[in-house]
């Protein structure tokens, strides 16, 4: 067995603290990865504090994992010792339902196995994530990472990157399209970079006027203060696609009004209260509201390759493992620019 050092929440609302456990042995189809960096996602907080229900304790969070391959199983063909590798939000799925057959394992009809706070399909044992020294993952769910990019800044691409890339690809964003991004945080800043690299005209909507400088430096062409009613009115019937990353309570009506004929707003955030909309705002211009999760493994690899080609990485603040609880509190306050990444050499 692989003795593994980690940080874990032992019980609900407990501070994360040093923890050790044993990873499974490397099977014929497995890859053992030394974790070098792990991004900190807001969902880590939600699950460590059981805000979504069903949390499994003790919990080792983390699903934005990059590292180097230490060992591969006898049947592994795509990876070898020494390769850079990444692991995102999934480590398994049924692999035989229609969704898995189509390469969208994130919508597995039996439910995908989360990198943490899930249960292994064969043993039922809890899955432990990337706030750890090592991880063992079956080959089909391991991703190739380019040597060209800063590895620490690649880590958040495994969740924030693919979560925003997937809807941009699903709605076929191309040069000349008008894309709005609501919220400039961990997800929003990646949506701006990716949409701009695809050739779209990108507009950021934010409640914070001081974020305009950052938005433009990230690649946005326009910036709208969403609290400015006149500015919002002036954006009416304009956008082909709006990526809404906000997880706080939000009125969707002004953003629907900003969509042109056949425009779509994709929801990535999960506000605590269900939004209310008037059907006429959809009917009048054949507008749509849609949702999107992460991407499948094939699409995630496509995203990593796209980012390597266009030199796209997350903007991060590096932290030592011991500062994770402080990072959680700062993240809740929105005090991060724009993603925390843990240096696992400090574990």
Protein backbone atom coordinates (compact mmCIF):
# COMPACT_ATOMS: atom_id res chain seq x y z
CA UNK A 1 0.00 0.00 0.00
CA UNK A 2 1.09 3.60 -0.58
CA UNK A 3 1.41 5.54 2.67
CA UNK A 4 0.20 9.06 1.95
CA UNK A 5 0.49 12.32 3.85
CA UNK A 6 -2.38 14.77 3.53
CA UNK A 7 -4.54 17.45 5.11
CA UNK A 8 -8.11 16.50 5.94
CA UNK A 9 -11.29 17.71 7.59
CA UNK A 10 -11.90 14.97 10.15
CA UNK A 11 -15.47 16.12 10.88
CA UNK A 12 -17.91 18.68 9.52
CA UNK A 13 -16.70 22.26 10.11
CA UNK A 14 -13.42 21.02 11.61
CA UNK A 15 -10.31 22.92 10.47
CA UNK A 16 -8.21 20.98 8.01
CA UNK A 17 -5.25 19.34 9.74
CA UNK A 18 -2.47 16.81 9.04
CA UNK A 19 -3.78 13.36 8.19
CA UNK A 20 -2.26 10.14 6.88
CA UNK A 21 -3.82 7.19 5.07
CA UNK A 22 -2.97 4.44 2.61
CA UNK A 23 -3.67 4.71 -1.10
CA UNK A 24 -4.49 1.47 -2.88
CA UNK A 25 -1.72 -0.50 -4.52
CA UNK A 26 -0.98 0.35 -8.14
CA UNK A 27 -3.10 -2.01 -10.23
CA UNK A 28 -2.53 -3.09 -13.81
CA UNK A 29 -4.43 -0.09 -15.18
CA UNK A 30 -3.38 2.49 -12.56
CA UNK A 31 -1.01 5.45 -12.51
CA UNK A 32 0.73 6.59 -9.31
CA UNK A 33 1.33 10.35 -9.31
CA UNK A 34 3.43 12.45 -6.95
CA UNK A 35 1.28 15.55 -6.46
CA UNK A 36 3.26 18.76 -6.88
CA UNK A 37 0.46 21.34 -6.89
CA UNK A 38 -3.27 21.34 -6.15
CA UNK A 39 -5.70 24.17 -6.78
CA UNK A 40 -8.25 25.23 -4.17
CA UNK A 41 -11.81 25.28 -5.51
CA UNK A 42 -14.79 26.87 -3.76
CA UNK A 43 -16.49 23.49 -3.90
CA UNK A 44 -13.76 22.25 -1.53
CA UNK A 45 -15.21 24.57 1.12
CA UNK A 46 -18.81 23.60 0.36
CA UNK A 47 -18.05 19.91 0.73
CA UNK A 48 -15.66 20.13 3.69
CA UNK A 49 -18.42 22.01 5.52
CA UNK A 50 -21.19 19.72 4.25
CA UNK A 51 -23.05 22.66 2.72
CA UNK A 52 -24.34 20.48 -0.11
CA UNK A 53 -25.13 17.48 2.11
CA UNK A 54 -23.79 13.95 1.91
CA UNK A 55 -20.19 14.73 2.80
CA UNK A 56 -17.96 11.79 3.77
CA UNK A 57 -15.52 12.30 6.65
CA UNK A 58 -12.63 12.33 7.11
CA UNK A 59 -12.32 14.28 3.85
CA UNK A 60 -9.19 15.11 1.87
CA UNK A 61 -10.35 17.77 -0.64
CA UNK A 62 -8.72 18.78 -3.90
CA UNK A 63 -9.54 18.08 -7.55
CA UNK A 64 -7.18 20.38 -9.45
CA UNK A 65 -4.14 18.14 -9.36
CA UNK A 66 -0.86 18.24 -11.27
CA UNK A 67 2.24 16.19 -10.64
CA UNK A 68 4.70 13.67 -11.99
CA UNK A 69 4.20 9.97 -12.66
CA UNK A 70 6.10 7.73 -10.25
CA UNK A 71 4.82 4.30 -11.33
CA UNK A 72 2.45 2.77 -13.85
CA UNK A 73 0.61 -0.53 -13.94
CA UNK A 74 1.55 -3.34 -16.30
CA UNK A 75 -1.28 -2.57 -18.76
CA UNK A 76 -0.86 1.24 -18.84
CA UNK A 77 0.00 2.44 -22.34
CA UNK A 78 -0.39 6.23 -22.35
CA UNK A 79 1.90 7.19 -19.45
CA UNK A 80 5.37 6.33 -18.24
CA UNK A 81 7.47 7.13 -15.20
CA UNK A 82 8.56 10.78 -15.20
CA UNK A 83 5.67 12.13 -17.28
CA UNK A 84 3.78 15.20 -16.12
CA UNK A 85 0.15 14.34 -15.41
CA UNK A 86 -3.07 15.93 -14.25
CA UNK A 87 -6.21 14.74 -12.47
CA UNK A 88 -9.43 16.71 -12.44
CA UNK A 89 -12.81 16.24 -10.79
CA UNK A 90 -13.36 12.59 -11.79
CA UNK A 91 -11.40 9.40 -11.19
CA UNK A 92 -13.91 6.87 -12.55
CA UNK A 93 -17.33 6.30 -14.13
CA UNK A 94 -19.33 3.27 -15.25
CA UNK A 95 -17.70 3.54 -18.72
CA UNK A 96 -20.55 1.71 -20.45
CA UNK A 97 -23.63 3.99 -20.37
CA UNK A 98 -24.53 6.17 -23.35
CA UNK A 99 -22.93 9.26 -21.77
CA UNK A 100 -19.65 7.47 -21.11
CA UNK A 101 -19.70 5.98 -24.61
CA UNK A 102 -20.08 9.50 -26.01
CA UNK A 103 -17.11 10.79 -24.01
CA UNK A 104 -19.13 12.87 -21.55
CA UNK A 105 -18.34 10.89 -18.42
CA UNK A 106 -19.30 13.88 -16.27
CA UNK A 107 -22.91 12.98 -17.08
CA UNK A 108 -22.47 9.24 -16.39
CA UNK A 109 -25.91 7.73 -15.83
CA UNK A 110 -24.63 5.92 -12.75
CA UNK A 111 -22.84 9.05 -11.53
CA UNK A 112 -19.12 9.67 -11.94
CA UNK A 113 -16.74 8.94 -9.08
CA UNK A 114 -15.47 12.19 -7.61
CA UNK A 115 -11.75 12.63 -7.01
CA UNK A 116 -12.69 13.20 -3.39
CA UNK A 117 -15.84 12.82 -1.34
CA UNK A 118 -16.86 9.89 -3.53
CA UNK A 119 -16.59 6.14 -3.24
CA UNK A 120 -14.49 3.78 -5.31
CA UNK A 121 -16.70 1.71 -7.59
CA UNK A 122 -15.06 -1.62 -6.78
CA UNK A 123 -14.43 -1.35 -3.03
CA UNK A 124 -16.80 1.35 -1.80
CA UNK A 125 -13.87 2.99 -0.01
CA UNK A 126 -13.93 6.81 0.19
CA UNK A 127 -11.92 8.70 -2.42
CA UNK A 128 -9.33 11.15 -1.11
CA UNK A 129 -8.25 14.15 -3.17
CA UNK A 130 -5.27 16.30 -3.96
CA UNK A 131 -4.36 17.91 -0.64
CA UNK A 132 -2.01 14.96 -0.41
CA UNK A 133 1.45 13.75 -1.36
CA UNK A 134 0.35 11.09 -3.88
CA UNK A 135 -2.68 9.79 -5.74
CA UNK A 136 -3.46 6.55 -7.60
CA UNK A 137 -5.83 6.90 -10.57
CA UNK A 138 -6.86 4.57 -13.38
CA UNK A 139 -5.22 5.51 -16.67
CA UNK A 140 -8.43 6.54 -18.44
CA UNK A 141 -8.87 9.45 -16.02
CA UNK A 142 -5.30 10.77 -16.07
CA UNK A 143 -4.46 13.71 -18.34
CA UNK A 144 -1.30 14.75 -20.17
CA UNK A 145 0.16 18.10 -19.10
CA UNK A 146 2.49 20.16 -21.28
CA UNK A 147 6.05 20.85 -20.16
CA UNK A 148 5.71 24.32 -21.74
CA UNK A 149 3.53 25.85 -19.02
CA UNK A 150 4.05 26.83 -15.37
CA UNK A 151 2.79 23.70 -13.62
CA UNK A 152 1.38 25.52 -10.60
CA UNK A 153 -0.69 27.77 -12.85
CA UNK A 154 -1.96 24.76 -14.81
CA UNK A 155 -3.55 23.15 -11.73
CA UNK A 156 -6.76 25.26 -11.71
CA UNK A 157 -7.35 24.43 -15.37
CA UNK A 158 -8.44 20.96 -14.18
CA UNK A 159 -11.65 22.47 -12.76
CA UNK A 160 -11.98 26.21 -13.37
CA UNK A 161 -10.52 25.86 -16.85
CA UNK A 162 -12.63 22.98 -18.09
CA UNK A 163 -15.80 24.28 -16.41
CA UNK A 164 -15.59 27.42 -18.56
CA UNK A 165 -14.07 25.83 -21.67
CA UNK A 166 -16.82 23.22 -22.00
CA UNK A 167 -19.75 25.63 -22.55
CA UNK A 168 -17.66 27.80 -24.86
CA UNK A 169 -17.08 24.72 -27.02
CA UNK A 170 -20.63 23.38 -26.62
CA UNK A 171 -22.03 26.67 -27.94
CA UNK A 172 -19.34 26.80 -30.64
CA UNK A 173 -17.84 30.17 -29.79
CA UNK A 174 -15.82 31.54 -32.69
CA UNK A 175 -14.17 34.71 -33.92
CA UNK A 176 -16.59 37.62 -33.93
CA UNK A 177 -19.06 36.18 -31.42
CA UNK A 178 -20.10 38.41 -28.56
CA UNK A 179 -19.55 36.72 -25.20
CA UNK A 180 -20.45 38.15 -21.81
CA UNK A 181 -18.89 36.88 -18.59
CA UNK A 182 -20.75 37.55 -15.34
CA UNK A 183 -18.40 37.66 -12.35
CA UNK A 184 -14.62 37.96 -12.39
CA UNK A 185 -13.42 35.29 -9.98
CA UNK A 186 -11.80 31.90 -10.33
CA UNK A 187 -14.20 30.80 -13.07
CA UNK A 188 -14.78 34.19 -14.62
CA UNK A 189 -11.16 35.06 -15.21
CA UNK A 190 -10.66 31.76 -17.03
CA UNK A 191 -13.78 32.32 -19.15
CA UNK A 192 -12.37 35.69 -20.24
CA UNK A 193 -9.00 34.24 -21.24
CA UNK A 194 -10.47 31.29 -23.11
CA UNK A 195 -13.20 33.21 -24.96
CA UNK A 196 -10.72 35.89 -26.02
CA UNK A 197 -8.32 33.21 -27.31
CA UNK A 198 -11.18 31.80 -29.39
CA UNK A 199 -11.54 35.19 -31.08
CA UNK A 200 -14.71 36.37 -29.35
CA UNK A 201 -15.45 39.94 -28.31
CA UNK A 202 -15.56 39.58 -24.51
CA UNK A 203 -17.45 41.78 -22.06
CA UNK A 204 -17.16 41.39 -18.29
CA UNK A 205 -20.13 42.18 -16.03
CA UNK A 206 -19.10 42.93 -12.46
CA UNK A 207 -20.49 44.70 -9.41
CA UNK A 208 -16.96 46.01 -8.69
CA UNK A 209 -15.83 48.94 -10.88
CA UNK A 210 -12.26 48.48 -9.65
CA UNK A 211 -12.05 45.15 -11.51
CA UNK A 212 -12.12 46.83 -14.92
CA UNK A 213 -8.33 47.11 -15.15
CA UNK A 214 -7.90 43.41 -14.39
CA UNK A 215 -10.67 42.45 -16.82
CA UNK A 216 -8.99 44.26 -19.68
CA UNK A 217 -5.57 42.85 -18.81
CA UNK A 218 -7.09 39.36 -18.89
CA UNK A 219 -8.35 39.98 -22.43
CA UNK A 220 -11.80 41.57 -22.04
CA UNK A 221 -12.71 44.16 -24.65
CA UNK A 222 -15.52 45.80 -22.67
CA UNK A 223 -16.57 46.14 -19.03
CA UNK A 224 -20.00 46.84 -17.58
CA UNK A 225 -20.76 47.65 -13.95
CA UNK A 226 -23.83 45.50 -13.40
CA UNK A 227 -25.22 47.83 -10.70
CA UNK A 228 -25.44 50.60 -13.31
CA UNK A 229 -28.99 50.27 -14.65
CA UNK A 230 -28.35 52.51 -17.65
CA UNK A 231 -25.25 50.59 -18.66
CA UNK A 232 -27.15 47.32 -18.40
CA UNK A 233 -30.00 48.73 -20.47
CA UNK A 234 -27.49 49.83 -23.11
CA UNK A 235 -26.28 46.23 -23.43
CA UNK A 236 -29.73 44.96 -24.46
CA UNK A 237 -30.11 42.46 -27.33
CA UNK A 238 -26.35 42.24 -27.85
CA UNK A 239 -24.77 38.96 -26.74
CA UNK A 240 -24.66 35.57 -28.42
CA UNK A 241 -23.59 33.84 -25.21
CA UNK A 242 -23.34 34.82 -21.57
CA UNK A 243 -21.32 32.70 -19.13
CA UNK A 244 -22.75 33.31 -15.67
CA UNK A 245 -20.30 32.25 -12.94
CA UNK A 246 -22.07 33.82 -9.95
CA UNK A 247 -22.98 31.60 -6.99
CA UNK A 248 -24.60 34.37 -4.93
CA UNK A 249 -28.20 35.51 -5.18
CA UNK A 250 -28.62 37.22 -8.54
CA UNK A 251 -31.40 38.69 -10.67
CA UNK A 252 -31.11 37.04 -14.07
CA UNK A 253 -33.58 39.39 -15.81
CA UNK A 254 -31.11 42.10 -16.95
CA UNK A 255 -28.73 39.47 -18.33
CA UNK A 256 -31.52 37.76 -20.26
CA UNK A 257 -32.39 41.14 -21.73
CA UNK A 258 -28.77 41.44 -22.88
CA UNK A 259 -29.06 38.35 -25.09
CA UNK A 260 -29.79 38.81 -28.76
CA UNK A 261 -32.11 36.57 -30.80
CA UNK A 262 -31.34 32.91 -30.05
CA UNK A 263 -28.81 33.92 -27.42
CA UNK A 264 -28.02 31.62 -24.51
CA UNK A 265 -27.04 32.24 -20.91
CA UNK A 266 -25.15 29.32 -19.35
CA UNK A 267 -25.26 28.99 -15.58
CA UNK A 268 -22.09 27.69 -13.94
CA UNK A 269 -22.64 28.98 -10.41
CA UNK A 270 -25.19 27.59 -7.96
CA UNK A 271 -26.89 30.40 -5.98
CA UNK A 272 -28.40 29.42 -2.63
CA UNK A 273 -31.88 30.43 -3.78
CA UNK A 274 -33.59 29.42 -7.00
CA UNK A 275 -33.79 32.40 -9.40
CA UNK A 276 -37.11 33.72 -10.65
CA UNK A 277 -37.60 34.61 -14.29
CA UNK A 278 -40.51 35.77 -16.38
CA UNK A 279 -41.18 33.54 -19.36
CA UNK A 280 -41.66 36.55 -21.65
CA UNK A 281 -37.94 37.38 -21.31
CA UNK A 282 -37.22 34.06 -23.02
CA UNK A 283 -40.12 34.00 -25.44
CA UNK A 284 -39.55 37.49 -26.87
CA UNK A 285 -36.19 36.66 -28.46
CA UNK A 286 -36.16 32.84 -28.38
CA UNK A 287 -33.55 33.09 -25.66
CA UNK A 288 -32.34 30.13 -23.62
CA UNK A 289 -31.03 29.45 -20.13
CA UNK A 290 -28.77 26.43 -19.89
CA UNK A 291 -26.45 24.81 -17.39
CA UNK A 292 -23.09 23.13 -17.72
CA UNK A 293 -20.94 20.95 -15.50
CA UNK A 294 -17.27 20.12 -16.10
CA UNK A 295 -16.09 18.44 -19.30
CA UNK A 296 -15.39 14.83 -20.17
CA UNK A 297 -11.86 13.46 -20.22
CA UNK A 298 -11.42 13.93 -23.98
CA UNK A 299 -12.64 17.52 -23.80
CA UNK A 300 -10.47 18.23 -20.75
CA UNK A 301 -7.42 17.02 -22.65
CA UNK A 302 -8.47 19.20 -25.59
CA UNK A 303 -8.67 22.17 -23.18
CA UNK A 304 -5.19 21.49 -21.76
CA UNK A 305 -3.79 21.28 -25.30
CA UNK A 306 -5.58 24.50 -26.29
CA UNK A 307 -4.14 26.27 -23.23
CA UNK A 308 -0.63 25.01 -24.05
CA UNK A 309 -1.01 26.27 -27.63
CA UNK A 310 -2.25 29.71 -26.53
CA UNK A 311 -0.12 30.04 -23.37
CA UNK A 312 -3.22 30.23 -21.15
CA UNK A 313 -2.87 29.61 -17.42
CA UNK A 314 -4.73 30.59 -14.29
CA UNK A 315 -3.73 33.64 -12.25
CA UNK A 316 -2.83 32.25 -8.85
CA UNK A 317 -1.66 32.89 -5.31
CA UNK A 318 0.63 30.11 -4.10
CA UNK A 319 0.20 28.99 -0.50
CA UNK A 320 1.88 26.46 1.78
CA UNK A 321 -0.30 23.60 3.00
CA UNK A 322 -0.44 24.99 6.54
CA UNK A 323 -2.28 28.11 5.33
CA UNK A 324 -5.25 26.24 3.85
CA UNK A 325 -7.74 27.22 6.56
CA UNK A 326 -6.89 30.90 6.18
CA UNK A 327 -7.20 30.48 2.41
CA UNK A 328 -10.71 29.09 2.85
CA UNK A 329 -11.78 32.15 4.83
CA UNK A 330 -10.21 34.51 2.30
CA UNK A 331 -11.87 32.67 -0.57
CA UNK A 332 -15.29 33.00 1.06
CA UNK A 333 -14.68 36.77 1.21
CA UNK A 334 -13.58 36.87 -2.42
CA UNK A 335 -10.07 37.82 -1.34
CA UNK A 336 -8.07 35.80 -3.86
CA UNK A 337 -6.48 36.76 -7.15
CA UNK A 338 -7.87 34.53 -8.69
CA UNK A 339 -7.14 31.00 -7.47
CA UNK A 340 -5.22 29.60 -4.54
CA UNK A 341 -2.78 26.80 -5.37
CA UNK A 342 -1.12 24.63 -2.71
CA UNK A 343 2.57 23.81 -3.05
CA UNK A 344 2.53 20.18 -1.93
CA UNK A 345 6.26 20.26 -1.28
CA UNK A 346 5.25 22.12 1.90
CA UNK A 347 3.10 19.25 3.17
